Amino acid sequence: MKALVVKNTGSWYTVCTDDGQLLECKVKGNFRLKGIRSTNPVAVGDRVEITPPQSPRGGKGEEQFGWITGIEDRRNYIIRKSQNLSKQSHILAANVDQAFLVVTVDRPQTSTTFIDRFLASAEAYRVPVYLIFNKTDQLDEDMLHYQETMVRLYETVGYECRQISAATGAGVEELRNLLQGKVTLLSGNSGVGKSTLINRLVPGANLRTAEISDAHNTGMHTTTFSEMIPLPNLSPGDSNPVDSPLPGRATGYLIDTPGIKGFGTFDMEPEELTSYFKEIFHFSKECRFSNCTHTHEPGCAVLKALEEHYIAASRYQSYLSMLDDKEEGKYREAY
């Protein structure tokens, strides 16, 4: 039986079958042994093959849940280095159409390094990203100016940005049209307001939110597992396309993920990094050497563009930090 993984709570997975049933499943033990070096061999968004429960409405023991016995090829995924196991990966979500990276310039401040690492990972798997600048209503004049500077930087690079307040609803309606018919990953640091945004976009979601720590200006984890949240029809007459892969009457899905503090890149070779930074890749075509690392070589068009301010220093520093990751040999290949 085919199904879609819509929730992951550790070793348990909730799947939605093609006929709309929600079933609790576990992963078959031997399936884990097929070389998948990941903290979560099955991710939210995966299409899987399952053996359904023998007695889904009752019974005890194994009869109460099904087994995931296989996984279909992934169209794409967003992956990061596991926080606790540096030589393993953690897949945030699979088979996504786009990602919303929610960022804040204050309470808490999202670093450009975090943003750039997420964007590079998304570029590696051709996942379009929107940068959602939240908590705009809480910013004073100086911080608003800084946010505008950030927006100009990333829009110049080629990323669409939106400035919103999930708390007041300002700018949120504009996001709805971007979500229709799409599977959208929602990610960001803890405390940037992902749960508040989902509560605004999906009436009745009622996700728990928390205050920012005054002492450290950081957020607290309120989401502890990944889950696909179906988007309701937003106006009379809305319906799924006939060939829509989304089960039920949802017009799209938001994949809510736990807040993350850092974003360790994974499964990237040093020679590939250039292509994951759009502006660096653009200038790299003019470098004297085809294997230029853009760190010291003579005739490097990237270093020249950096000196002439065509490439932002923060973006270049993010590139160097990812290059250092690979040179230090911190990560082994992902499977």
C-alpha atoms as a PDB file:
ATOM      1  CA  MET A   1       0.000   0.000   0.000  1.00  0.00           C
ATOM      2  CA  LYS A   2       1.295   3.483  -0.919  1.00  0.00           C
ATOM      3  CA  ALA A   3       1.242   6.366   1.547  1.00  0.00           C
ATOM      4  CA  LEU A   4       2.602   9.825   2.323  1.00  0.00           C
ATOM      5  CA  VAL A   5       4.533  10.472   5.555  1.00  0.00           C
ATOM      6  CA  VAL A   6       2.815  13.432   7.225  1.00  0.00           C
ATOM      7  CA  LYS A   7       4.296  13.340  10.747  1.00  0.00           C
ATOM      8  CA  ASN A   8       7.434  12.076  12.459  1.00  0.00           C
ATOM      9  CA  THR A   9       7.718  11.835  16.245  1.00  0.00           C
ATOM     10  CA  GLY A  10      10.989   9.978  16.696  1.00  0.00           C
ATOM     11  CA  SER A  11      10.528   6.307  15.843  1.00  0.00           C
ATOM     12  CA  TRP A  12       6.832   6.739  15.035  1.00  0.00           C
ATOM     13  CA  TYR A  13       5.481   7.922  11.701  1.00  0.00           C
ATOM     14  CA  THR A  14       1.966   9.000  10.791  1.00  0.00           C
ATOM     15  CA  VAL A  15       1.181   8.254   7.156  1.00  0.00           C
ATOM     16  CA  CYS A  16      -1.747   9.195   4.954  1.00  0.00           C
ATOM     17  CA  THR A  17      -2.716   6.474   2.528  1.00  0.00           C
ATOM     18  CA  ASP A  18      -3.857   7.297  -0.986  1.00  0.00           C
ATOM     19  CA  ASP A  19      -7.460   6.673   0.065  1.00  0.00           C
ATOM     20  CA  GLY A  20      -7.163   9.189   2.911  1.00  0.00           C
ATOM     21  CA  GLN A  21      -6.571   6.956   5.953  1.00  0.00           C
ATOM     22  CA  LEU A  22      -4.213   8.137   8.702  1.00  0.00           C
ATOM     23  CA  LEU A  23      -2.157   5.245  10.110  1.00  0.00           C
ATOM     24  CA  GLU A  24       0.602   4.980  12.704  1.00  0.00           C
ATOM     25  CA  CYS A  25       3.676   3.146  11.444  1.00  0.00           C
ATOM     26  CA  LYS A  26       7.178   2.102  12.381  1.00  0.00           C
ATOM     27  CA  VAL A  27      10.158   1.414  10.142  1.00  0.00           C
ATOM     28  CA  LYS A  28      11.071  -2.211   9.503  1.00  0.00           C
ATOM     29  CA  GLY A  29      14.354  -3.020  11.222  1.00  0.00           C
ATOM     30  CA  ASN A  30      16.124  -4.357   8.139  1.00  0.00           C
ATOM     31  CA  PHE A  31      15.093  -1.233   6.195  1.00  0.00           C
ATOM     32  CA  ARG A  32      17.306   0.806   8.542  1.00  0.00           C
ATOM     33  CA  LEU A  33      20.336  -1.257   7.561  1.00  0.00           C
ATOM     34  CA  LYS A  34      20.438  -0.264   3.893  1.00  0.00           C
ATOM     35  CA  GLY A  35      23.248   2.271   4.258  1.00  0.00           C
ATOM     36  CA  ILE A  36      21.103   5.273   5.157  1.00  0.00           C
ATOM     37  CA  ARG A  37      23.388   7.314   7.423  1.00  0.00           C
ATOM     38  CA  SER A  38      20.714   9.615   8.691  1.00  0.00           C
ATOM     39  CA  THR A  39      19.093  10.234  12.050  1.00  0.00           C
ATOM     40  CA  ASN A  40      15.773   9.865  10.240  1.00  0.00           C
ATOM     41  CA  PRO A  41      15.904   7.320   7.384  1.00  0.00           C
ATOM     42  CA  VAL A  42      12.298   8.273   6.580  1.00  0.00           C
ATOM     43  CA  ALA A  43      11.317  11.962   6.464  1.00  0.00           C
ATOM     44  CA  VAL A  44       8.091  13.932   6.396  1.00  0.00           C
ATOM     45  CA  GLY A  45       7.088  14.295   2.754  1.00  0.00           C
ATOM     46  CA  ASP A  46       8.388  10.867   1.739  1.00  0.00           C
ATOM     47  CA  ARG A  47       6.260   8.569  -0.380  1.00  0.00           C
ATOM     48  CA  VAL A  48       6.494   5.106   1.151  1.00  0.00           C
ATOM     49  CA  GLU A  49       5.300   1.551   0.817  1.00  0.00           C
ATOM     50  CA  ILE A  50       3.576   0.245   3.936  1.00  0.00           C
ATOM     51  CA  THR A  51       2.140  -2.915   5.360  1.00  0.00           C
ATOM     52  CA  PRO A  52      -1.038  -1.728   7.142  1.00  0.00           C
ATOM     53  CA  PRO A  53      -1.997  -2.773  10.671  1.00  0.00           C
ATOM     54  CA  GLN A  54      -3.682  -6.147  10.894  1.00  0.00           C
ATOM     55  CA  SER A  55      -6.285  -4.652  13.201  1.00  0.00           C
ATOM     56  CA  PRO A  56      -6.252  -0.848  12.878  1.00  0.00           C
ATOM     57  CA  ARG A  57      -9.367  -0.379  15.083  1.00  0.00           C
ATOM     58  CA  GLY A  58      -8.312  -2.508  18.012  1.00  0.00           C
ATOM     59  CA  GLY A  59      -6.093  -5.289  19.218  1.00  0.00           C
ATOM     60  CA  LYS A  60      -2.821  -5.156  21.076  1.00  0.00           C
ATOM     61  CA  GLY A  61       0.877  -5.061  20.335  1.00  0.00           C
ATOM     62  CA  GLU A  62       1.995  -5.029  16.739  1.00  0.00           C
ATOM     63  CA  GLU A  63      -1.553  -5.197  15.404  1.00  0.00           C
ATOM     64  CA  GLN A  64      -2.066  -1.536  16.328  1.00  0.00           C
ATOM     65  CA  PHE A  65       0.435  -0.115  13.854  1.00  0.00           C
ATOM     66  CA  GLY A  66       1.734  -0.704  10.356  1.00  0.00           C
ATOM     67  CA  TRP A  67       5.229  -1.080   8.947  1.00  0.00           C
ATOM     68  CA  ILE A  68       7.085   1.113   6.485  1.00  0.00           C
ATOM     69  CA  THR A  69       8.792  -1.370   4.203  1.00  0.00           C
ATOM     70  CA  GLY A  70      10.102   0.816   1.385  1.00  0.00           C
ATOM     71  CA  ILE A  71      10.651   4.374   0.256  1.00  0.00           C
ATOM     72  CA  GLU A  72      10.175   5.843  -3.216  1.00  0.00           C
ATOM     73  CA  ASP A  73      12.921   7.885  -4.858  1.00  0.00           C
ATOM     74  CA  ARG A  74      12.954  11.437  -3.533  1.00  0.00           C
ATOM     75  CA  ARG A  75      12.467  14.326  -5.918  1.00  0.00           C
ATOM     76  CA  ASN A  76      14.513  16.508  -3.565  1.00  0.00           C
ATOM     77  CA  TYR A  77      15.074  17.161   0.107  1.00  0.00           C
ATOM     78  CA  ILE A  78      16.552  19.669   2.521  1.00  0.00           C
ATOM     79  CA  ILE A  79      19.341  18.174   4.587  1.00  0.00           C
ATOM     80  CA  ARG A  80      21.595  19.416   7.377  1.00  0.00           C
ATOM     81  CA  LYS A  81      24.325  18.011   9.568  1.00  0.00           C
ATOM     82  CA  SER A  82      22.874  16.276  12.589  1.00  0.00           C
ATOM     83  CA  GLN A  83      23.355  18.433  15.669  1.00  0.00           C
ATOM     84  CA  ASN A  84      24.263  15.536  17.950  1.00  0.00           C
ATOM     85  CA  LEU A  85      25.934  13.169  15.514  1.00  0.00           C
ATOM     86  CA  SER A  86      28.329  15.167  13.353  1.00  0.00           C
ATOM     87  CA  LYS A  87      28.961  12.316  10.912  1.00  0.00           C
ATOM     88  CA  GLN A  88      25.308  11.808  10.173  1.00  0.00           C
ATOM     89  CA  SER A  89      22.706  13.877   8.399  1.00  0.00           C
ATOM     90  CA  HIS A  90      19.217  14.959   9.353  1.00  0.00           C
ATOM     91  CA  ILE A  91      16.622  15.379   6.606  1.00  0.00           C
ATOM     92  CA  LEU A  92      14.263  18.247   7.400  1.00  0.00           C
ATOM     93  CA  ALA A  93      11.736  17.287   4.712  1.00  0.00           C
ATOM     94  CA  ALA A  94      11.489  15.521   1.367  1.00  0.00           C
ATOM     95  CA  ASN A  95       9.692  16.181  -1.921  1.00  0.00           C
ATOM     96  CA  VAL A  96       9.035  19.867  -1.325  1.00  0.00           C
ATOM     97  CA  ASP A  97       8.064  22.456  -3.922  1.00  0.00           C
ATOM     98  CA  GLN A  98       9.514  25.428  -2.068  1.00  0.00           C
ATOM     99  CA  ALA A  99      10.744  26.625   1.318  1.00  0.00           C
ATOM    100  CA  PHE A 100       9.879  29.601   3.487  1.00  0.00           C
ATOM    101  CA  LEU A 101      12.855  30.527   5.665  1.00  0.00           C
ATOM    102  CA  VAL A 102      11.460  32.671   8.483  1.00  0.00           C
ATOM    103  CA  VAL A 103      14.066  35.122   9.786  1.00  0.00           C
ATOM    104  CA  THR A 104      14.111  38.001  12.263  1.00  0.00           C
ATOM    105  CA  VAL A 105      16.618  40.834  12.592  1.00  0.00           C
ATOM    106  CA  ASP A 106      15.926  41.137  16.328  1.00  0.00           C
ATOM    107  CA  ARG A 107      14.510  39.014  19.171  1.00  0.00           C
ATOM    108  CA  PRO A 108      16.139  36.771  18.061  1.00  0.00           C
ATOM    109  CA  GLN A 109      18.607  37.925  15.420  1.00  0.00           C
ATOM    110  CA  THR A 110      19.045  35.493  12.543  1.00  0.00           C
ATOM    111  CA  SER A 111      22.668  35.464  11.390  1.00  0.00           C
ATOM    112  CA  THR A 112      23.515  35.877   7.723  1.00  0.00           C
ATOM    113  CA  THR A 113      25.680  32.758   8.029  1.00  0.00           C
ATOM    114  CA  PHE A 114      22.627  30.705   8.986  1.00  0.00           C
ATOM    115  CA  ILE A 115      20.608  32.205   6.129  1.00  0.00           C
ATOM    116  CA  ASP A 116      23.352  31.593   3.576  1.00  0.00           C
ATOM    117  CA  ARG A 117      23.934  27.998   4.646  1.00  0.00           C
ATOM    118  CA  PHE A 118      20.222  27.239   4.340  1.00  0.00           C
ATOM    119  CA  LEU A 119      20.068  28.919   0.925  1.00  0.00           C
ATOM    120  CA  ALA A 120      23.110  27.000  -0.313  1.00  0.00           C
ATOM    121  CA  SER A 121      21.613  23.682   0.796  1.00  0.00           C
ATOM    122  CA  ALA A 122      18.357  24.542  -0.952  1.00  0.00           C
ATOM    123  CA  GLU A 123      20.266  25.499  -4.115  1.00  0.00           C
ATOM    124  CA  ALA A 124      21.985  22.104  -4.058  1.00  0.00           C
ATOM    125  CA  TYR A 125      18.609  20.376  -4.409  1.00  0.00           C
ATOM    126  CA  ARG A 126      16.929  23.050  -6.535  1.00  0.00           C
ATOM    127  CA  VAL A 127      14.398  24.056  -3.900  1.00  0.00           C
ATOM    128  CA  PRO A 128      13.175  27.661  -4.367  1.00  0.00           C
ATOM    129  CA  VAL A 129      13.352  29.711  -1.155  1.00  0.00           C
ATOM    130  CA  TYR A 130      11.417  32.759   0.007  1.00  0.00           C
ATOM    131  CA  LEU A 131      12.913  34.762   2.863  1.00  0.00           C
ATOM    132  CA  ILE A 132      10.143  35.761   5.259  1.00  0.00           C
ATOM    133  CA  PHE A 133      11.231  38.641   7.512  1.00  0.00           C
ATOM    134  CA  ASN A 134       8.934  38.415  10.537  1.00  0.00           C
ATOM    135  CA  LYS A 135       8.231  40.641  13.567  1.00  0.00           C
ATOM    136  CA  THR A 136       8.444  43.810  11.506  1.00  0.00           C
ATOM    137  CA  ASP A 137       5.989  45.447  13.924  1.00  0.00           C
ATOM    138  CA  GLN A 138       8.514  45.166  16.767  1.00  0.00           C
ATOM    139  CA  LEU A 139      11.369  46.999  15.057  1.00  0.00           C
ATOM    140  CA  ASP A 140      12.503  50.544  15.801  1.00  0.00           C
ATOM    141  CA  GLU A 141      13.698  52.871  13.053  1.00  0.00           C
ATOM    142  CA  ASP A 142      17.301  51.646  13.117  1.00  0.00           C
ATOM    143  CA  MET A 143      16.327  47.971  12.983  1.00  0.00           C
ATOM    144  CA  LEU A 144      13.824  48.651  10.188  1.00  0.00           C
ATOM    145  CA  HIS A 145      16.646  50.255   8.215  1.00  0.00           C
ATOM    146  CA  TYR A 146      18.848  47.218   8.868  1.00  0.00           C
ATOM    147  CA  GLN A 147      16.059  44.891   7.717  1.00  0.00           C
ATOM    148  CA  GLU A 148      15.617  46.886   4.514  1.00  0.00           C
ATOM    149  CA  THR A 149      19.354  46.541   3.923  1.00  0.00           C
ATOM    150  CA  MET A 150      19.091  42.769   4.363  1.00  0.00           C
ATOM    151  CA  VAL A 151      16.124  42.592   2.000  1.00  0.00           C
ATOM    152  CA  ARG A 152      18.005  44.578  -0.676  1.00  0.00           C
ATOM    153  CA  LEU A 153      21.020  42.289  -0.309  1.00  0.00           C
ATOM    154  CA  TYR A 154      19.091  39.070  -0.856  1.00  0.00           C
ATOM    155  CA  GLU A 155      16.790  40.440  -3.532  1.00  0.00           C
ATOM    156  CA  THR A 156      19.867  41.615  -5.434  1.00  0.00           C
ATOM    157  CA  VAL A 157      21.277  38.094  -5.190  1.00  0.00           C
ATOM    158  CA  GLY A 158      18.014  36.724  -6.582  1.00  0.00           C
ATOM    159  CA  TYR A 159      15.848  35.655  -3.636  1.00  0.00           C
ATOM    160  CA  GLU A 160      12.306  36.891  -3.104  1.00  0.00           C
ATOM    161  CA  CYS A 161      11.713  38.466   0.300  1.00  0.00           C
ATOM    162  CA  ARG A 162       8.575  39.313   2.228  1.00  0.00           C
ATOM    163  CA  GLN A 163       8.330  41.574   5.294  1.00  0.00           C
ATOM    164  CA  ILE A 164       5.506  40.563   7.614  1.00  0.00           C
ATOM    165  CA  SER A 165       4.181  40.482  11.148  1.00  0.00           C
ATOM    166  CA  ALA A 166       2.614  37.144  11.997  1.00  0.00           C
ATOM    167  CA  ALA A 167       1.419  38.639  15.285  1.00  0.00           C
ATOM    168  CA  THR A 168      -0.620  41.436  13.685  1.00  0.00           C
ATOM    169  CA  GLY A 169      -1.278  39.734  10.342  1.00  0.00           C
ATOM    170  CA  ALA A 170       0.462  42.453   8.305  1.00  0.00           C
ATOM    171  CA  GLY A 171       1.681  40.993   5.004  1.00  0.00           C
ATOM    172  CA  VAL A 172       0.478  37.474   5.788  1.00  0.00           C
ATOM    173  CA  GLU A 173      -2.377  37.433   3.277  1.00  0.00           C
ATOM    174  CA  GLU A 174       0.166  37.969   0.508  1.00  0.00           C
ATOM    175  CA  LEU A 175       1.756  34.626   1.408  1.00  0.00           C
ATOM    176  CA  ARG A 176      -1.419  32.619   0.835  1.00  0.00           C
ATOM    177  CA  ASN A 177      -1.232  32.723  -2.947  1.00  0.00           C
ATOM    178  CA  LEU A 178       2.366  31.454  -2.784  1.00  0.00           C
ATOM    179  CA  LEU A 179       1.212  28.370  -0.876  1.00  0.00           C
ATOM    180  CA  GLN A 180      -1.623  27.196  -3.112  1.00  0.00           C
ATOM    181  CA  GLY A 181      -1.070  23.720  -4.563  1.00  0.00           C
ATOM    182  CA  LYS A 182       2.434  23.565  -3.083  1.00  0.00           C
ATOM    183  CA  VAL A 183       4.250  21.571  -0.446  1.00  0.00           C
ATOM    184  CA  THR A 184       6.126  24.256   1.486  1.00  0.00           C
ATOM    185  CA  LEU A 185       8.813  23.662   4.095  1.00  0.00           C
ATOM    186  CA  LEU A 186       8.744  26.203   6.915  1.00  0.00           C
ATOM    187  CA  SER A 187      12.071  26.564   8.709  1.00  0.00           C
ATOM    188  CA  GLY A 188      14.083  28.998  10.797  1.00  0.00           C
ATOM    189  CA  ASN A 189      15.708  29.570  14.169  1.00  0.00           C
ATOM    190  CA  SER A 190      13.764  28.947  17.357  1.00  0.00           C
ATOM    191  CA  GLY A 191      11.680  31.970  18.297  1.00  0.00           C
ATOM    192  CA  VAL A 192      11.296  33.593  14.872  1.00  0.00           C
ATOM    193  CA  GLY A 193       7.533  33.033  14.913  1.00  0.00           C
ATOM    194  CA  LYS A 194       6.919  29.981  12.725  1.00  0.00           C
ATOM    195  CA  SER A 195       4.120  28.667  14.938  1.00  0.00           C
ATOM    196  CA  THR A 196       2.477  32.094  15.115  1.00  0.00           C
ATOM    197  CA  LEU A 197       2.639  32.316  11.318  1.00  0.00           C
ATOM    198  CA  ILE A 198       1.055  28.884  10.886  1.00  0.00           C
ATOM    199  CA  ASN A 199      -1.706  29.794  13.348  1.00  0.00           C
ATOM    200  CA  ARG A 200      -2.374  32.877  11.198  1.00  0.00           C
ATOM    201  CA  LEU A 201      -2.332  30.935   7.910  1.00  0.00           C
ATOM    202  CA  VAL A 202      -4.244  27.867   9.095  1.00  0.00           C
ATOM    203  CA  PRO A 203      -7.238  28.734  11.301  1.00  0.00           C
ATOM    204  CA  GLY A 204      -7.640  26.068  13.946  1.00  0.00           C
ATOM    205  CA  ALA A 205      -4.024  24.870  13.869  1.00  0.00           C
ATOM    206  CA  ASN A 206      -3.573  26.167  17.443  1.00  0.00           C
ATOM    207  CA  LEU A 207       0.160  25.548  17.601  1.00  0.00           C
ATOM    208  CA  ARG A 208       1.835  26.418  20.891  1.00  0.00           C
ATOM    209  CA  THR A 209       3.978  29.569  20.980  1.00  0.00           C
ATOM    210  CA  ALA A 210       6.468  30.879  23.540  1.00  0.00           C
ATOM    211  CA  GLU A 211       8.037  34.161  24.570  1.00  0.00           C
ATOM    212  CA  ILE A 212      11.594  35.159  23.698  1.00  0.00           C
ATOM    213  CA  SER A 213      14.184  34.906  26.472  1.00  0.00           C
ATOM    214  CA  ASP A 214      15.099  38.437  27.583  1.00  0.00           C
ATOM    215  CA  ALA A 215      18.417  37.248  28.961  1.00  0.00           C
ATOM    216  CA  HIS A 216      19.714  35.708  25.753  1.00  0.00           C
ATOM    217  CA  ASN A 217      17.412  37.169  23.079  1.00  0.00           C
ATOM    218  CA  THR A 218      16.778  33.650  21.827  1.00  0.00           C
ATOM    219  CA  GLY A 219      13.722  31.545  21.209  1.00  0.00           C
ATOM    220  CA  MET A 220      12.453  28.430  22.917  1.00  0.00           C
ATOM    221  CA  HIS A 221      11.541  25.262  21.035  1.00  0.00           C
ATOM    222  CA  THR A 222       7.761  24.954  20.843  1.00  0.00           C
ATOM    223  CA  THR A 223       7.674  22.505  17.908  1.00  0.00           C
ATOM    224  CA  THR A 224       9.291  19.187  18.804  1.00  0.00           C
ATOM    225  CA  PHE A 225       8.538  17.153  15.684  1.00  0.00           C
ATOM    226  CA  SER A 226       8.004  17.609  11.955  1.00  0.00           C
ATOM    227  CA  GLU A 227       4.495  17.592  10.567  1.00  0.00           C
ATOM    228  CA  MET A 228       2.681  18.284   7.303  1.00  0.00           C
ATOM    229  CA  ILE A 229      -0.204  20.654   7.985  1.00  0.00           C
ATOM    230  CA  PRO A 230      -2.884  20.665   5.264  1.00  0.00           C
ATOM    231  CA  LEU A 231      -3.990  24.064   4.015  1.00  0.00           C
ATOM    232  CA  PRO A 232      -7.752  24.514   3.857  1.00  0.00           C
ATOM    233  CA  ASN A 233      -9.632  25.825   0.851  1.00  0.00           C
ATOM    234  CA  LEU A 234      -9.197  29.561   1.202  1.00  0.00           C
ATOM    235  CA  SER A 235     -12.201  30.696  -0.828  1.00  0.00           C
ATOM    236  CA  PRO A 236     -15.472  29.196  -2.086  1.00  0.00           C
ATOM    237  CA  GLY A 237     -14.999  26.902  -5.043  1.00  0.00           C
ATOM    238  CA  ASP A 238     -11.302  26.172  -4.412  1.00  0.00           C
ATOM    239  CA  SER A 239     -10.390  22.584  -5.187  1.00  0.00           C
ATOM    240  CA  ASN A 240      -7.362  20.481  -5.956  1.00  0.00           C
ATOM    241  CA  PRO A 241      -6.316  19.934  -9.564  1.00  0.00           C
ATOM    242  CA  VAL A 242      -7.389  16.524 -10.817  1.00  0.00           C
ATOM    243  CA  ASP A 243      -3.788  15.320 -10.935  1.00  0.00           C
ATOM    244  CA  SER A 244      -2.853  16.788  -7.542  1.00  0.00           C
ATOM    245  CA  PRO A 245      -0.723  14.402  -5.422  1.00  0.00           C
ATOM    246  CA  LEU A 246      -2.135  15.903  -2.236  1.00  0.00           C
ATOM    247  CA  PRO A 247      -4.612  13.635  -0.461  1.00  0.00           C
ATOM    248  CA  GLY A 248      -7.944  14.853   0.830  1.00  0.00           C
ATOM    249  CA  ARG A 249      -9.251  18.363   0.217  1.00  0.00           C
ATOM    250  CA  ALA A 250      -6.050  20.234   1.102  1.00  0.00           C
ATOM    251  CA  THR A 251      -4.944  22.881  -1.378  1.00  0.00           C
ATOM    252  CA  GLY A 252      -1.359  22.547  -0.214  1.00  0.00           C
ATOM    253  CA  TYR A 253       0.786  21.624   2.752  1.00  0.00           C
ATOM    254  CA  LEU A 254       2.984  23.478   5.201  1.00  0.00           C
ATOM    255  CA  ILE A 255       5.721  21.337   6.703  1.00  0.00           C
ATOM    256  CA  ASP A 256       6.357  22.621  10.209  1.00  0.00           C
ATOM    257  CA  THR A 257       9.795  21.738  11.601  1.00  0.00           C
ATOM    258  CA  PRO A 258      11.446  22.256  14.995  1.00  0.00           C
ATOM    259  CA  GLY A 259      13.441  25.470  15.325  1.00  0.00           C
ATOM    260  CA  ILE A 260      17.155  25.033  14.689  1.00  0.00           C
ATOM    261  CA  LYS A 261      20.067  27.059  16.054  1.00  0.00           C
ATOM    262  CA  GLY A 262      22.665  26.223  13.409  1.00  0.00           C
ATOM    263  CA  PHE A 263      22.763  24.781   9.935  1.00  0.00           C
ATOM    264  CA  GLY A 264      25.682  22.455   9.267  1.00  0.00           C
ATOM    265  CA  THR A 265      25.979  21.738   5.553  1.00  0.00           C
ATOM    266  CA  PHE A 266      26.196  18.164   4.388  1.00  0.00           C
ATOM    267  CA  ASP A 267      26.992  16.216   1.227  1.00  0.00           C
ATOM    268  CA  MET A 268      28.703  19.145  -0.550  1.00  0.00           C
ATOM    269  CA  GLU A 269      32.069  18.967  -2.256  1.00  0.00           C
ATOM    270  CA  PRO A 270      34.383  22.034  -2.153  1.00  0.00           C
ATOM    271  CA  GLU A 271      34.365  22.387  -5.938  1.00  0.00           C
ATOM    272  CA  GLU A 272      30.553  22.493  -5.906  1.00  0.00           C
ATOM    273  CA  LEU A 273      30.143  25.266  -3.331  1.00  0.00           C
ATOM    274  CA  THR A 274      30.625  28.068  -5.841  1.00  0.00           C
ATOM    275  CA  SER A 275      27.514  27.050  -7.763  1.00  0.00           C
ATOM    276  CA  TYR A 276      25.375  27.287  -4.606  1.00  0.00           C
ATOM    277  CA  PHE A 277      26.095  31.013  -4.225  1.00  0.00           C
ATOM    278  CA  LYS A 278      24.407  32.668  -7.194  1.00  0.00           C
ATOM    279  CA  GLU A 279      26.499  35.829  -7.364  1.00  0.00           C
ATOM    280  CA  ILE A 280      29.798  34.048  -6.727  1.00  0.00           C
ATOM    281  CA  PHE A 281      28.986  31.564  -9.485  1.00  0.00           C
ATOM    282  CA  HIS A 282      28.187  34.458 -11.842  1.00  0.00           C
ATOM    283  CA  PHE A 283      31.624  36.060 -11.422  1.00  0.00           C
ATOM    284  CA  SER A 284      33.525  32.764 -11.185  1.00  0.00           C
ATOM    285  CA  LYS A 285      33.075  32.231 -14.920  1.00  0.00           C
ATOM    286  CA  GLU A 286      35.627  34.995 -15.480  1.00  0.00           C
ATOM    287  CA  CYS A 287      38.315  33.520 -13.198  1.00  0.00           C
ATOM    288  CA  ARG A 288      41.681  32.750 -14.783  1.00  0.00           C
ATOM    289  CA  PHE A 289      41.723  29.182 -13.470  1.00  0.00           C
ATOM    290  CA  SER A 290      38.807  26.774 -13.855  1.00  0.00           C
ATOM    291  CA  ASN A 291      39.518  25.211 -10.455  1.00  0.00           C
ATOM    292  CA  CYS A 292      39.771  28.543  -8.660  1.00  0.00           C
ATOM    293  CA  THR A 293      38.747  28.372  -4.991  1.00  0.00           C
ATOM    294  CA  HIS A 294      38.272  32.177  -4.854  1.00  0.00           C
ATOM    295  CA  THR A 295      40.504  32.481  -1.811  1.00  0.00           C
ATOM    296  CA  HIS A 296      43.973  33.517  -3.057  1.00  0.00           C
ATOM    297  CA  GLU A 297      44.454  32.725  -6.729  1.00  0.00           C
ATOM    298  CA  PRO A 298      45.730  35.368  -9.166  1.00  0.00           C
ATOM    299  CA  GLY A 299      43.193  36.472 -11.740  1.00  0.00           C
ATOM    300  CA  CYS A 300      40.243  35.585  -9.475  1.00  0.00           C
ATOM    301  CA  ALA A 301      37.193  37.474 -10.713  1.00  0.00           C
ATOM    302  CA  VAL A 302      35.321  36.703  -7.479  1.00  0.00           C
ATOM    303  CA  LEU A 303      37.949  38.414  -5.305  1.00  0.00           C
ATOM    304  CA  LYS A 304      37.898  41.369  -7.686  1.00  0.00           C
ATOM    305  CA  ALA A 305      34.083  41.572  -7.467  1.00  0.00           C
ATOM    306  CA  LEU A 306      34.323  41.367  -3.678  1.00  0.00           C
ATOM    307  CA  GLU A 307      36.811  44.240  -3.612  1.00  0.00           C
ATOM    308  CA  GLU A 308      34.539  46.307  -5.838  1.00  0.00           C
ATOM    309  CA  HIS A 309      31.490  45.485  -3.618  1.00  0.00           C
ATOM    310  CA  TYR A 310      29.603  43.520  -6.238  1.00  0.00           C
ATOM    311  CA  ILE A 311      29.652  40.613  -3.772  1.00  0.00           C
ATOM    312  CA  ALA A 312      28.620  41.256  -0.170  1.00  0.00           C
ATOM    313  CA  ALA A 313      31.303  40.572   2.430  1.00  0.00           C
ATOM    314  CA  SER A 314      28.810  38.623   4.563  1.00  0.00           C
ATOM    315  CA  ARG A 315      27.996  36.276   1.694  1.00  0.00           C
ATOM    316  CA  TYR A 316      31.668  35.722   0.937  1.00  0.00           C
ATOM    317  CA  GLN A 317      32.371  34.960   4.614  1.00  0.00           C
ATOM    318  CA  SER A 318      29.557  32.391   4.566  1.00  0.00           C
ATOM    319  CA  TYR A 319      31.154  30.796   1.507  1.00  0.00           C
ATOM    320  CA  LEU A 320      34.516  30.622   3.315  1.00  0.00           C
ATOM    321  CA  SER A 321      32.928  29.084   6.420  1.00  0.00           C
ATOM    322  CA  MET A 322      31.381  26.316   4.323  1.00  0.00           C
ATOM    323  CA  LEU A 323      34.680  25.795   2.514  1.00  0.00           C
ATOM    324  CA  ASP A 324      36.359  25.400   5.911  1.00  0.00           C
ATOM    325  CA  ASP A 325      33.784  22.780   6.881  1.00  0.00           C
ATOM    326  CA  LYS A 326      34.822  20.610   3.978  1.00  0.00           C
ATOM    327  CA  GLU A 327      38.567  21.165   4.352  1.00  0.00           C
ATOM    328  CA  GLU A 328      38.423  20.094   7.977  1.00  0.00           C
ATOM    329  CA  GLY A 329      36.807  16.832   6.882  1.00  0.00           C
ATOM    330  CA  LYS A 330      34.016  17.123   9.423  1.00  0.00           C
ATOM    331  CA  TYR A 331      31.407  15.299   7.396  1.00  0.00           C
ATOM    332  CA  ARG A 332      31.340  12.054   5.516  1.00  0.00           C
ATOM    333  CA  GLU A 333      29.191  11.399   2.462  1.00  0.00           C
ATOM    334  CA  ALA A 334      25.451  11.266   2.915  1.00  0.00           C
ATOM    335  CA  TYR A 335      23.578   8.274   1.599  1.00  0.00           C
END
